[in-house]
Amino acid sequence: METITAPRILFFGRNPAIMALVKLHIGASGYHVEGFLDESAVSVRVRAGEADLLILGGGVEDAPRVRFRRLCAETGVTLLEHFGGPGELVLNIRSALTASANGH
């Protein structure tokens, strides 16, 4: 029997208040997400194989975005750069996870 595991979702952003709201919003949709304000902490988790999806918030600067694009490409972690509002976030997560599961 195949065991289905929940996706391991990490969220990196710059605004603690927004991060708290994002965590609540995603959690209300049935997903578990861990939010981070520290780039190195996220990198450690991704390199350790502890993420299936990494979400970058709209306030993340260009340099960290480039580093995370490279890191996710190297590790096979799906990257979602979210710039839309909260109403679109869960839909974007579902789309990213579906595309990843289908090999896209």
PDB file of N, CA and C in Angstrom:
ATOM      1  N   MET A   1       0.839  -1.177   0.000  1.00  0.00           N
ATOM      2  CA  MET A   1       0.000   0.000   0.000  1.00  0.00           C
ATOM      3  C   MET A   1       0.891   1.250   0.000  1.00  0.00           C
ATOM      4  N   GLU A   2       0.615   2.182  -0.892  1.00  0.00           N
ATOM      5  CA  GLU A   2       1.388   3.413  -1.013  1.00  0.00           C
ATOM      6  C   GLU A   2       0.928   4.429   0.034  1.00  0.00           C
ATOM      7  N   THR A   3       1.905   5.019   0.695  1.00  0.00           N
ATOM      8  CA  THR A   3       1.610   6.043   1.690  1.00  0.00           C
ATOM      9  C   THR A   3       1.676   7.408   1.025  1.00  0.00           C
ATOM     10  N   ILE A   4       0.644   8.198   1.190  1.00  0.00           N
ATOM     11  CA  ILE A   4       0.623   9.549   0.638  1.00  0.00           C
ATOM     12  C   ILE A   4       1.060  10.501   1.738  1.00  0.00           C
ATOM     13  N   THR A   5       2.076  11.283   1.441  1.00  0.00           N
ATOM     14  CA  THR A   5       2.569  12.236   2.432  1.00  0.00           C
ATOM     15  C   THR A   5       2.196  13.650   2.012  1.00  0.00           C
ATOM     16  N   ALA A   6       1.995  14.483   2.997  1.00  0.00           N
ATOM     17  CA  ALA A   6       1.674  15.888   2.727  1.00  0.00           C
ATOM     18  C   ALA A   6       2.910  16.576   2.167  1.00  0.00           C
ATOM     19  N   PRO A   7       2.716  17.501   1.252  1.00  0.00           N
ATOM     20  CA  PRO A   7       3.869  18.231   0.717  1.00  0.00           C
ATOM     21  C   PRO A   7       4.526  19.079   1.801  1.00  0.00           C
ATOM     22  N   ARG A   8       5.832  19.121   1.758  1.00  0.00           N
ATOM     23  CA  ARG A   8       6.599  19.945   2.700  1.00  0.00           C
ATOM     24  C   ARG A   8       6.789  21.311   2.044  1.00  0.00           C
ATOM     25  N   ILE A   9       6.092  22.307   2.580  1.00  0.00           N
ATOM     26  CA  ILE A   9       6.070  23.640   1.980  1.00  0.00           C
ATOM     27  C   ILE A   9       6.793  24.620   2.896  1.00  0.00           C
ATOM     28  N   LEU A  10       7.747  25.346   2.321  1.00  0.00           N
ATOM     29  CA  LEU A  10       8.451  26.413   3.028  1.00  0.00           C
ATOM     30  C   LEU A  10       8.106  27.733   2.364  1.00  0.00           C
ATOM     31  N   PHE A  11       8.029  28.791   3.165  1.00  0.00           N
ATOM     32  CA  PHE A  11       7.710  30.124   2.668  1.00  0.00           C
ATOM     33  C   PHE A  11       8.771  31.085   3.168  1.00  0.00           C
ATOM     34  N   PHE A  12       9.350  31.856   2.244  1.00  0.00           N
ATOM     35  CA  PHE A  12      10.363  32.847   2.605  1.00  0.00           C
ATOM     36  C   PHE A  12       9.847  34.230   2.255  1.00  0.00           C
ATOM     37  N   GLY A  13       9.894  35.116   3.225  1.00  0.00           N
ATOM     38  CA  GLY A  13       9.431  36.476   3.004  1.00  0.00           C
ATOM     39  C   GLY A  13      10.190  37.464   3.850  1.00  0.00           C
ATOM     40  N   ARG A  14       9.758  38.717   3.787  1.00  0.00           N
ATOM     41  CA  ARG A  14      10.468  39.790   4.486  1.00  0.00           C
ATOM     42  C   ARG A  14       9.642  40.480   5.562  1.00  0.00           C
ATOM     43  N   ASN A  15       8.330  40.302   5.553  1.00  0.00           N
ATOM     44  CA  ASN A  15       7.468  41.018   6.492  1.00  0.00           C
ATOM     45  C   ASN A  15       6.847  40.027   7.480  1.00  0.00           C
ATOM     46  N   PRO A  16       7.220  40.115   8.767  1.00  0.00           N
ATOM     47  CA  PRO A  16       6.710  39.153   9.749  1.00  0.00           C
ATOM     48  C   PRO A  16       5.183  39.123   9.847  1.00  0.00           C
ATOM     49  N   ALA A  17       4.531  40.257   9.747  1.00  0.00           N
ATOM     50  CA  ALA A  17       3.069  40.292   9.834  1.00  0.00           C
ATOM     51  C   ALA A  17       2.442  39.570   8.651  1.00  0.00           C
ATOM     52  N   ILE A  18       2.952  39.812   7.473  1.00  0.00           N
ATOM     53  CA  ILE A  18       2.450  39.136   6.277  1.00  0.00           C
ATOM     54  C   ILE A  18       2.725  37.641   6.379  1.00  0.00           C
ATOM     55  N   MET A  19       3.890  37.288   6.889  1.00  0.00           N
ATOM     56  CA  MET A  19       4.243  35.871   7.037  1.00  0.00           C
ATOM     57  C   MET A  19       3.236  35.149   7.931  1.00  0.00           C
ATOM     58  N   ALA A  20       2.842  35.786   9.023  1.00  0.00           N
ATOM     59  CA  ALA A  20       1.869  35.177   9.934  1.00  0.00           C
ATOM     60  C   ALA A  20       0.528  34.973   9.234  1.00  0.00           C
ATOM     61  N   LEU A  21       0.106  35.965   8.458  1.00  0.00           N
ATOM     62  CA  LEU A  21      -1.153  35.843   7.718  1.00  0.00           C
ATOM     63  C   LEU A  21      -1.081  34.753   6.646  1.00  0.00           C
ATOM     64  N   VAL A  22       0.050  34.670   5.980  1.00  0.00           N
ATOM     65  CA  VAL A  22       0.236  33.646   4.944  1.00  0.00           C
ATOM     66  C   VAL A  22       0.130  32.258   5.573  1.00  0.00           C
ATOM     67  N   LYS A  23       0.785  32.080   6.719  1.00  0.00           N
ATOM     68  CA  LYS A  23       0.750  30.778   7.386  1.00  0.00           C
ATOM     69  C   LYS A  23      -0.685  30.400   7.757  1.00  0.00           C
ATOM     70  N   LEU A  24      -1.441  31.345   8.280  1.00  0.00           N
ATOM     71  CA  LEU A  24      -2.833  31.078   8.633  1.00  0.00           C
ATOM     72  C   LEU A  24      -3.674  30.763   7.396  1.00  0.00           C
ATOM     73  N   HIS A  25      -3.478  31.536   6.341  1.00  0.00           N
ATOM     74  CA  HIS A  25      -4.251  31.362   5.115  1.00  0.00           C
ATOM     75  C   HIS A  25      -3.974  29.994   4.488  1.00  0.00           C
ATOM     76  N   ILE A  26      -2.711  29.632   4.392  1.00  0.00           N
ATOM     77  CA  ILE A  26      -2.357  28.343   3.797  1.00  0.00           C
ATOM     78  C   ILE A  26      -2.837  27.204   4.700  1.00  0.00           C
ATOM     79  N   GLY A  27      -2.662  27.365   6.011  1.00  0.00           N
ATOM     80  CA  GLY A  27      -3.108  26.347   6.951  1.00  0.00           C
ATOM     81  C   GLY A  27      -4.608  26.104   6.894  1.00  0.00           C
ATOM     82  N   ALA A  28      -5.368  27.163   6.693  1.00  0.00           N
ATOM     83  CA  ALA A  28      -6.825  27.036   6.599  1.00  0.00           C
ATOM     84  C   ALA A  28      -7.244  26.230   5.372  1.00  0.00           C
ATOM     85  N   SER A  29      -6.353  26.120   4.413  1.00  0.00           N
ATOM     86  CA  SER A  29      -6.636  25.360   3.193  1.00  0.00           C
ATOM     87  C   SER A  29      -6.172  23.912   3.296  1.00  0.00           C
ATOM     88  N   GLY A  30      -5.666  23.529   4.463  1.00  0.00           N
ATOM     89  CA  GLY A  30      -5.269  22.143   4.674  1.00  0.00           C
ATOM     90  C   GLY A  30      -3.804  21.839   4.469  1.00  0.00           C
ATOM     91  N   TYR A  31      -3.032  22.816   4.069  1.00  0.00           N
ATOM     92  CA  TYR A  31      -1.592  22.617   3.903  1.00  0.00           C
ATOM     93  C   TYR A  31      -0.864  23.066   5.160  1.00  0.00           C
ATOM     94  N   HIS A  32       0.263  22.423   5.423  1.00  0.00           N
ATOM     95  CA  HIS A  32       1.148  22.869   6.503  1.00  0.00           C
ATOM     96  C   HIS A  32       2.307  23.611   5.841  1.00  0.00           C
ATOM     97  N   VAL A  33       2.633  24.771   6.360  1.00  0.00           N
ATOM     98  CA  VAL A  33       3.722  25.577   5.802  1.00  0.00           C
ATOM     99  C   VAL A  33       4.560  26.125   6.938  1.00  0.00           C
ATOM    100  N   GLU A  34       5.854  26.206   6.700  1.00  0.00           N
ATOM    101  CA  GLU A  34       6.758  26.840   7.657  1.00  0.00           C
ATOM    102  C   GLU A  34       7.278  28.118   7.016  1.00  0.00           C
ATOM    103  N   GLY A  35       7.182  29.225   7.738  1.00  0.00           N
ATOM    104  CA  GLY A  35       7.641  30.507   7.235  1.00  0.00           C
ATOM    105  C   GLY A  35       8.998  30.875   7.797  1.00  0.00           C
ATOM    106  N   PHE A  36       9.801  31.537   6.981  1.00  0.00           N
ATOM    107  CA  PHE A  36      11.146  31.937   7.362  1.00  0.00           C
ATOM    108  C   PHE A  36      11.418  33.370   6.929  1.00  0.00           C
ATOM    109  N   LEU A  37      12.127  34.084   7.772  1.00  0.00           N
ATOM    110  CA  LEU A  37      12.607  35.422   7.440  1.00  0.00           C
ATOM    111  C   LEU A  37      14.108  35.405   7.161  1.00  0.00           C
ATOM    112  N   ASP A  38      14.768  34.293   7.467  1.00  0.00           N
ATOM    113  CA  ASP A  38      16.216  34.161   7.338  1.00  0.00           C
ATOM    114  C   ASP A  38      16.570  33.275   6.139  1.00  0.00           C
ATOM    115  N   GLU A  39      17.260  33.844   5.181  1.00  0.00           N
ATOM    116  CA  GLU A  39      17.604  33.130   3.958  1.00  0.00           C
ATOM    117  C   GLU A  39      18.431  31.878   4.224  1.00  0.00           C
ATOM    118  N   SER A  40      19.397  31.976   5.123  1.00  0.00           N
ATOM    119  CA  SER A  40      20.268  30.825   5.364  1.00  0.00           C
ATOM    120  C   SER A  40      19.499  29.656   5.978  1.00  0.00           C
ATOM    121  N   ALA A  41      18.522  29.932   6.836  1.00  0.00           N
ATOM    122  CA  ALA A  41      17.731  28.855   7.438  1.00  0.00           C
ATOM    123  C   ALA A  41      16.932  28.104   6.371  1.00  0.00           C
ATOM    124  N   VAL A  42      16.397  28.839   5.413  1.00  0.00           N
ATOM    125  CA  VAL A  42      15.655  28.198   4.324  1.00  0.00           C
ATOM    126  C   VAL A  42      16.604  27.360   3.481  1.00  0.00           C
ATOM    127  N   SER A  43      17.749  27.905   3.154  1.00  0.00           N
ATOM    128  CA  SER A  43      18.729  27.190   2.334  1.00  0.00           C
ATOM    129  C   SER A  43      19.139  25.871   2.982  1.00  0.00           C
ATOM    130  N   VAL A  44      19.358  25.888   4.291  1.00  0.00           N
ATOM    131  CA  VAL A  44      19.737  24.667   5.013  1.00  0.00           C
ATOM    132  C   VAL A  44      18.649  23.610   4.873  1.00  0.00           C
ATOM    133  N   ARG A  45      17.401  23.997   5.052  1.00  0.00           N
ATOM    134  CA  ARG A  45      16.285  23.056   4.964  1.00  0.00           C
ATOM    135  C   ARG A  45      16.134  22.492   3.550  1.00  0.00           C
ATOM    136  N   VAL A  46      16.273  23.366   2.546  1.00  0.00           N
ATOM    137  CA  VAL A  46      16.152  22.901   1.157  1.00  0.00           C
ATOM    138  C   VAL A  46      17.284  21.930   0.840  1.00  0.00           C
ATOM    139  N   ARG A  47      18.511  22.280   1.213  1.00  0.00           N
ATOM    140  CA  ARG A  47      19.668  21.398   0.948  1.00  0.00           C
ATOM    141  C   ARG A  47      19.547  20.058   1.679  1.00  0.00           C
ATOM    142  N   ALA A  48      18.876  20.058   2.822  1.00  0.00           N
ATOM    143  CA  ALA A  48      18.696  18.829   3.604  1.00  0.00           C
ATOM    144  C   ALA A  48      17.578  17.952   3.050  1.00  0.00           C
ATOM    145  N   GLY A  49      16.917  18.405   1.995  1.00  0.00           N
ATOM    146  CA  GLY A  49      15.842  17.616   1.396  1.00  0.00           C
ATOM    147  C   GLY A  49      14.537  17.707   2.166  1.00  0.00           C
ATOM    148  N   GLU A  50      14.350  18.789   2.888  1.00  0.00           N
ATOM    149  CA  GLU A  50      13.173  18.948   3.740  1.00  0.00           C
ATOM    150  C   GLU A  50      12.108  19.862   3.139  1.00  0.00           C
ATOM    151  N   ALA A  51      12.080  19.958   1.816  1.00  0.00           N
ATOM    152  CA  ALA A  51      11.075  20.807   1.164  1.00  0.00           C
ATOM    153  C   ALA A  51      10.684  20.207  -0.178  1.00  0.00           C
ATOM    154  N   ASP A  52       9.402  20.286  -0.463  1.00  0.00           N
ATOM    155  CA  ASP A  52       8.899  19.917  -1.786  1.00  0.00           C
ATOM    156  C   ASP A  52       8.575  21.166  -2.596  1.00  0.00           C
ATOM    157  N   LEU A  53       8.212  22.225  -1.880  1.00  0.00           N
ATOM    158  CA  LEU A  53       7.828  23.485  -2.519  1.00  0.00           C
ATOM    159  C   LEU A  53       8.375  24.637  -1.695  1.00  0.00           C
ATOM    160  N   LEU A  54       9.014  25.581  -2.355  1.00  0.00           N
ATOM    161  CA  LEU A  54       9.481  26.807  -1.714  1.00  0.00           C
ATOM    162  C   LEU A  54       8.728  27.973  -2.338  1.00  0.00           C
ATOM    163  N   ILE A  55       8.090  28.749  -1.480  1.00  0.00           N
ATOM    164  CA  ILE A  55       7.352  29.924  -1.931  1.00  0.00           C
ATOM    165  C   ILE A  55       8.150  31.161  -1.545  1.00  0.00           C
ATOM    166  N   LEU A  56       8.366  32.040  -2.512  1.00  0.00           N
ATOM    167  CA  LEU A  56       9.007  33.331  -2.241  1.00  0.00           C
ATOM    168  C   LEU A  56       7.936  34.400  -2.276  1.00  0.00           C
ATOM    169  N   GLY A  57       7.891  35.209  -1.227  1.00  0.00           N
ATOM    170  CA  GLY A  57       6.940  36.309  -1.174  1.00  0.00           C
ATOM    171  C   GLY A  57       7.352  37.457  -2.070  1.00  0.00           C
ATOM    172  N   GLY A  58       6.419  38.336  -2.332  1.00  0.00           N
ATOM    173  CA  GLY A  58       6.644  39.455  -3.235  1.00  0.00           C
ATOM    174  C   GLY A  58       7.700  40.442  -2.778  1.00  0.00           C
ATOM    175  N   GLY A  59       7.972  40.518  -1.477  1.00  0.00           N
ATOM    176  CA  GLY A  59       8.944  41.470  -0.955  1.00  0.00           C
ATOM    177  C   GLY A  59      10.382  41.004  -0.990  1.00  0.00           C
ATOM    178  N   VAL A  60      10.625  39.792  -1.467  1.00  0.00           N
ATOM    179  CA  VAL A  60      11.985  39.254  -1.515  1.00  0.00           C
ATOM    180  C   VAL A  60      12.750  39.943  -2.646  1.00  0.00           C
ATOM    181  N   GLU A  61      13.957  40.385  -2.324  1.00  0.00           N
ATOM    182  CA  GLU A  61      14.783  41.115  -3.279  1.00  0.00           C
ATOM    183  C   GLU A  61      15.301  40.212  -4.403  1.00  0.00           C
ATOM    184  N   ASP A  62      15.821  40.845  -5.447  1.00  0.00           N
ATOM    185  CA  ASP A  62      16.295  40.116  -6.627  1.00  0.00           C
ATOM    186  C   ASP A  62      17.442  39.152  -6.325  1.00  0.00           C
ATOM    187  N   ALA A  63      18.427  39.565  -5.543  1.00  0.00           N
ATOM    188  CA  ALA A  63      19.594  38.705  -5.287  1.00  0.00           C
ATOM    189  C   ALA A  63      19.206  37.391  -4.602  1.00  0.00           C
ATOM    190  N   PRO A  64      18.396  37.423  -3.537  1.00  0.00           N
ATOM    191  CA  PRO A  64      17.974  36.143  -2.958  1.00  0.00           C
ATOM    192  C   PRO A  64      17.119  35.311  -3.917  1.00  0.00           C
ATOM    193  N   ARG A  65      16.323  35.973  -4.741  1.00  0.00           N
ATOM    194  CA  ARG A  65      15.519  35.244  -5.728  1.00  0.00           C
ATOM    195  C   ARG A  65      16.411  34.443  -6.666  1.00  0.00           C
ATOM    196  N   VAL A  66      17.475  35.067  -7.130  1.00  0.00           N
ATOM    197  CA  VAL A  66      18.409  34.389  -8.034  1.00  0.00           C
ATOM    198  C   VAL A  66      19.050  33.199  -7.320  1.00  0.00           C
ATOM    199  N   ARG A  67      19.466  33.395  -6.082  1.00  0.00           N
ATOM    200  CA  ARG A  67      20.088  32.304  -5.317  1.00  0.00           C
ATOM    201  C   ARG A  67      19.099  31.155  -5.112  1.00  0.00           C
ATOM    202  N   PHE A  68      17.844  31.482  -4.781  1.00  0.00           N
ATOM    203  CA  PHE A  68      16.855  30.421  -4.562  1.00  0.00           C
ATOM    204  C   PHE A  68      16.471  29.724  -5.864  1.00  0.00           C
ATOM    205  N   ARG A  69      16.432  30.440  -6.964  1.00  0.00           N
ATOM    206  CA  ARG A  69      16.167  29.786  -8.255  1.00  0.00           C
ATOM    207  C   ARG A  69      17.237  28.739  -8.531  1.00  0.00           C
ATOM    208  N   ARG A  70      18.482  29.134  -8.312  1.00  0.00           N
ATOM    209  CA  ARG A  70      19.608  28.221  -8.540  1.00  0.00           C
ATOM    210  C   ARG A  70      19.532  27.023  -7.582  1.00  0.00           C
ATOM    211  N   LEU A  71      19.300  27.302  -6.299  1.00  0.00           N
ATOM    212  CA  LEU A  71      19.235  26.242  -5.295  1.00  0.00           C
ATOM    213  C   LEU A  71      18.104  25.253  -5.597  1.00  0.00           C
ATOM    214  N   CYS A  72      16.947  25.757  -5.942  1.00  0.00           N
ATOM    215  CA  CYS A  72      15.817  24.878  -6.241  1.00  0.00           C
ATOM    216  C   CYS A  72      16.077  24.048  -7.491  1.00  0.00           C
ATOM    217  N   ALA A  73      16.714  24.633  -8.481  1.00  0.00           N
ATOM    218  CA  ALA A  73      17.060  23.882  -9.691  1.00  0.00           C
ATOM    219  C   ALA A  73      18.048  22.763  -9.360  1.00  0.00           C
ATOM    220  N   GLU A  74      19.007  23.048  -8.493  1.00  0.00           N
ATOM    221  CA  GLU A  74      20.014  22.053  -8.100  1.00  0.00           C
ATOM    222  C   GLU A  74      19.425  20.926  -7.272  1.00  0.00           C
ATOM    223  N   THR A  75      18.443  21.224  -6.458  1.00  0.00           N
ATOM    224  CA  THR A  75      17.902  20.244  -5.513  1.00  0.00           C
ATOM    225  C   THR A  75      16.595  19.599  -5.967  1.00  0.00           C
ATOM    226  N   GLY A  76      16.019  20.098  -7.045  1.00  0.00           N
ATOM    227  CA  GLY A  76      14.767  19.544  -7.540  1.00  0.00           C
ATOM    228  C   GLY A  76      13.537  19.987  -6.765  1.00  0.00           C
ATOM    229  N   VAL A  77      13.662  21.065  -6.006  1.00  0.00           N
ATOM    230  CA  VAL A  77      12.537  21.607  -5.238  1.00  0.00           C
ATOM    231  C   VAL A  77      11.756  22.556  -6.138  1.00  0.00           C
ATOM    232  N   THR A  78      10.442  22.437  -6.114  1.00  0.00           N
ATOM    233  CA  THR A  78       9.597  23.330  -6.899  1.00  0.00           C
ATOM    234  C   THR A  78       9.611  24.713  -6.272  1.00  0.00           C
ATOM    235  N   LEU A  79       9.754  25.727  -7.092  1.00  0.00           N
ATOM    236  CA  LEU A  79       9.802  27.117  -6.629  1.00  0.00           C
ATOM    237  C   LEU A  79       8.566  27.856  -7.131  1.00  0.00           C
ATOM    238  N   LEU A  80       7.904  28.542  -6.203  1.00  0.00           N
ATOM    239  CA  LEU A  80       6.754  29.377  -6.541  1.00  0.00           C
ATOM    240  C   LEU A  80       7.073  30.797  -6.096  1.00  0.00           C
ATOM    241  N   GLU A  81       7.196  31.692  -7.064  1.00  0.00           N
ATOM    242  CA  GLU A  81       7.418  33.105  -6.748  1.00  0.00           C
ATOM    243  C   GLU A  81       6.057  33.773  -6.799  1.00  0.00           C
ATOM    244  N   HIS A  82       5.533  34.071  -5.629  1.00  0.00           N
ATOM    245  CA  HIS A  82       4.166  34.565  -5.527  1.00  0.00           C
ATOM    246  C   HIS A  82       4.134  36.082  -5.422  1.00  0.00           C
ATOM    247  N   PHE A  83       3.441  36.712  -6.357  1.00  0.00           N
ATOM    248  CA  PHE A  83       3.277  38.161  -6.347  1.00  0.00           C
ATOM    249  C   PHE A  83       1.814  38.568  -6.228  1.00  0.00           C
ATOM    250  N   GLY A  84       0.909  37.606  -6.356  1.00  0.00           N
ATOM    251  CA  GLY A  84      -0.521  37.903  -6.318  1.00  0.00           C
ATOM    252  C   GLY A  84      -1.027  38.061  -4.901  1.00  0.00           C
ATOM    253  N   GLY A  85      -2.288  38.314  -4.797  1.00  0.00           N
ATOM    254  CA  GLY A  85      -2.908  38.472  -3.497  1.00  0.00           C
ATOM    255  C   GLY A  85      -3.162  37.138  -2.819  1.00  0.00           C
ATOM    256  N   PRO A  86      -3.664  37.180  -1.594  1.00  0.00           N
ATOM    257  CA  PRO A  86      -3.882  35.951  -0.837  1.00  0.00           C
ATOM    258  C   PRO A  86      -4.917  35.025  -1.467  1.00  0.00           C
ATOM    259  N   GLY A  87      -5.860  35.581  -2.201  1.00  0.00           N
ATOM    260  CA  GLY A  87      -6.864  34.754  -2.854  1.00  0.00           C
ATOM    261  C   GLY A  87      -6.286  33.843  -3.915  1.00  0.00           C
ATOM    262  N   GLU A  88      -5.171  34.222  -4.481  1.00  0.00           N
ATOM    263  CA  GLU A  88      -4.530  33.436  -5.528  1.00  0.00           C
ATOM    264  C   GLU A  88      -3.494  32.459  -4.985  1.00  0.00           C
ATOM    265  N   LEU A  89      -3.059  32.671  -3.755  1.00  0.00           N
ATOM    266  CA  LEU A  89      -1.938  31.896  -3.231  1.00  0.00           C
ATOM    267  C   LEU A  89      -2.223  30.400  -3.202  1.00  0.00           C
ATOM    268  N   VAL A  90      -3.322  29.990  -2.614  1.00  0.00           N
ATOM    269  CA  VAL A  90      -3.610  28.560  -2.513  1.00  0.00           C
ATOM    270  C   VAL A  90      -3.791  27.943  -3.902  1.00  0.00           C
ATOM    271  N   LEU A  91      -4.429  28.650  -4.806  1.00  0.00           N
ATOM    272  CA  LEU A  91      -4.557  28.150  -6.179  1.00  0.00           C
ATOM    273  C   LEU A  91      -3.191  27.979  -6.825  1.00  0.00           C
ATOM    274  N   ASN A  92      -2.299  28.939  -6.594  1.00  0.00           N
ATOM    275  CA  ASN A  92      -0.951  28.845  -7.151  1.00  0.00           C
ATOM    276  C   ASN A  92      -0.168  27.691  -6.538  1.00  0.00           C
ATOM    277  N   ILE A  93      -0.379  27.445  -5.241  1.00  0.00           N
ATOM    278  CA  ILE A  93       0.279  26.309  -4.586  1.00  0.00           C
ATOM    279  C   ILE A  93      -0.209  25.006  -5.212  1.00  0.00           C
ATOM    280  N   ARG A  94      -1.518  24.868  -5.351  1.00  0.00           N
ATOM    281  CA  ARG A  94      -2.071  23.647  -5.951  1.00  0.00           C
ATOM    282  C   ARG A  94      -1.535  23.440  -7.366  1.00  0.00           C
ATOM    283  N   SER A  95      -1.487  24.500  -8.145  1.00  0.00           N
ATOM    284  CA  SER A  95      -0.978  24.407  -9.517  1.00  0.00           C
ATOM    285  C   SER A  95       0.488  23.990  -9.534  1.00  0.00           C
ATOM    286  N   ALA A  96       1.295  24.592  -8.661  1.00  0.00           N
ATOM    287  CA  ALA A  96       2.728  24.274  -8.603  1.00  0.00           C
ATOM    288  C   ALA A  96       2.952  22.822  -8.191  1.00  0.00           C
ATOM    289  N   LEU A  97       2.196  22.353  -7.196  1.00  0.00           N
ATOM    290  CA  LEU A  97       2.341  20.976  -6.735  1.00  0.00           C
ATOM    291  C   LEU A  97       1.871  19.979  -7.798  1.00  0.00           C
ATOM    292  N   THR A  98       0.792  20.314  -8.497  1.00  0.00           N
ATOM    293  CA  THR A  98       0.292  19.453  -9.559  1.00  0.00           C
ATOM    294  C   THR A  98       1.293  19.367 -10.696  1.00  0.00           C
ATOM    295  N   ALA A  99       1.831  20.507 -11.101  1.00  0.00           N
ATOM    296  CA  ALA A  99       2.827  20.533 -12.177  1.00  0.00           C
ATOM    297  C   ALA A  99       4.063  19.731 -11.777  1.00  0.00           C
ATOM    298  N   SER A 100       4.482  19.873 -10.527  1.00  0.00           N
ATOM    299  CA  SER A 100       5.643  19.135 -10.039  1.00  0.00           C
ATOM    300  C   SER A 100       5.388  17.634 -10.049  1.00  0.00           C
ATOM    301  N   ALA A 101       4.207  17.226  -9.612  1.00  0.00           N
ATOM    302  CA  ALA A 101       3.858  15.804  -9.590  1.00  0.00           C
ATOM    303  C   ALA A 101       3.790  15.217 -10.997  1.00  0.00           C
ATOM    304  N   ASN A 102       3.459  16.063 -11.964  1.00  0.00           N
ATOM    305  CA  ASN A 102       3.360  15.628 -13.361  1.00  0.00           C
ATOM    306  C   ASN A 102       4.675  15.771 -14.111  1.00  0.00           C
ATOM    307  N   GLY A 103       5.734  16.172 -13.386  1.00  0.00           N
ATOM    308  CA  GLY A 103       7.056  16.265 -14.015  1.00  0.00           C
ATOM    309  C   GLY A 103       7.319  17.531 -14.795  1.00  0.00           C
ATOM    310  N   HIS A 104       6.588  18.598 -14.510  1.00  0.00           N
ATOM    311  CA  HIS A 104       6.793  19.867 -15.233  1.00  0.00           C
ATOM    312  C   HIS A 104       7.583  20.821 -14.405  1.00  0.00           C
TER     313      HIS A 104
END
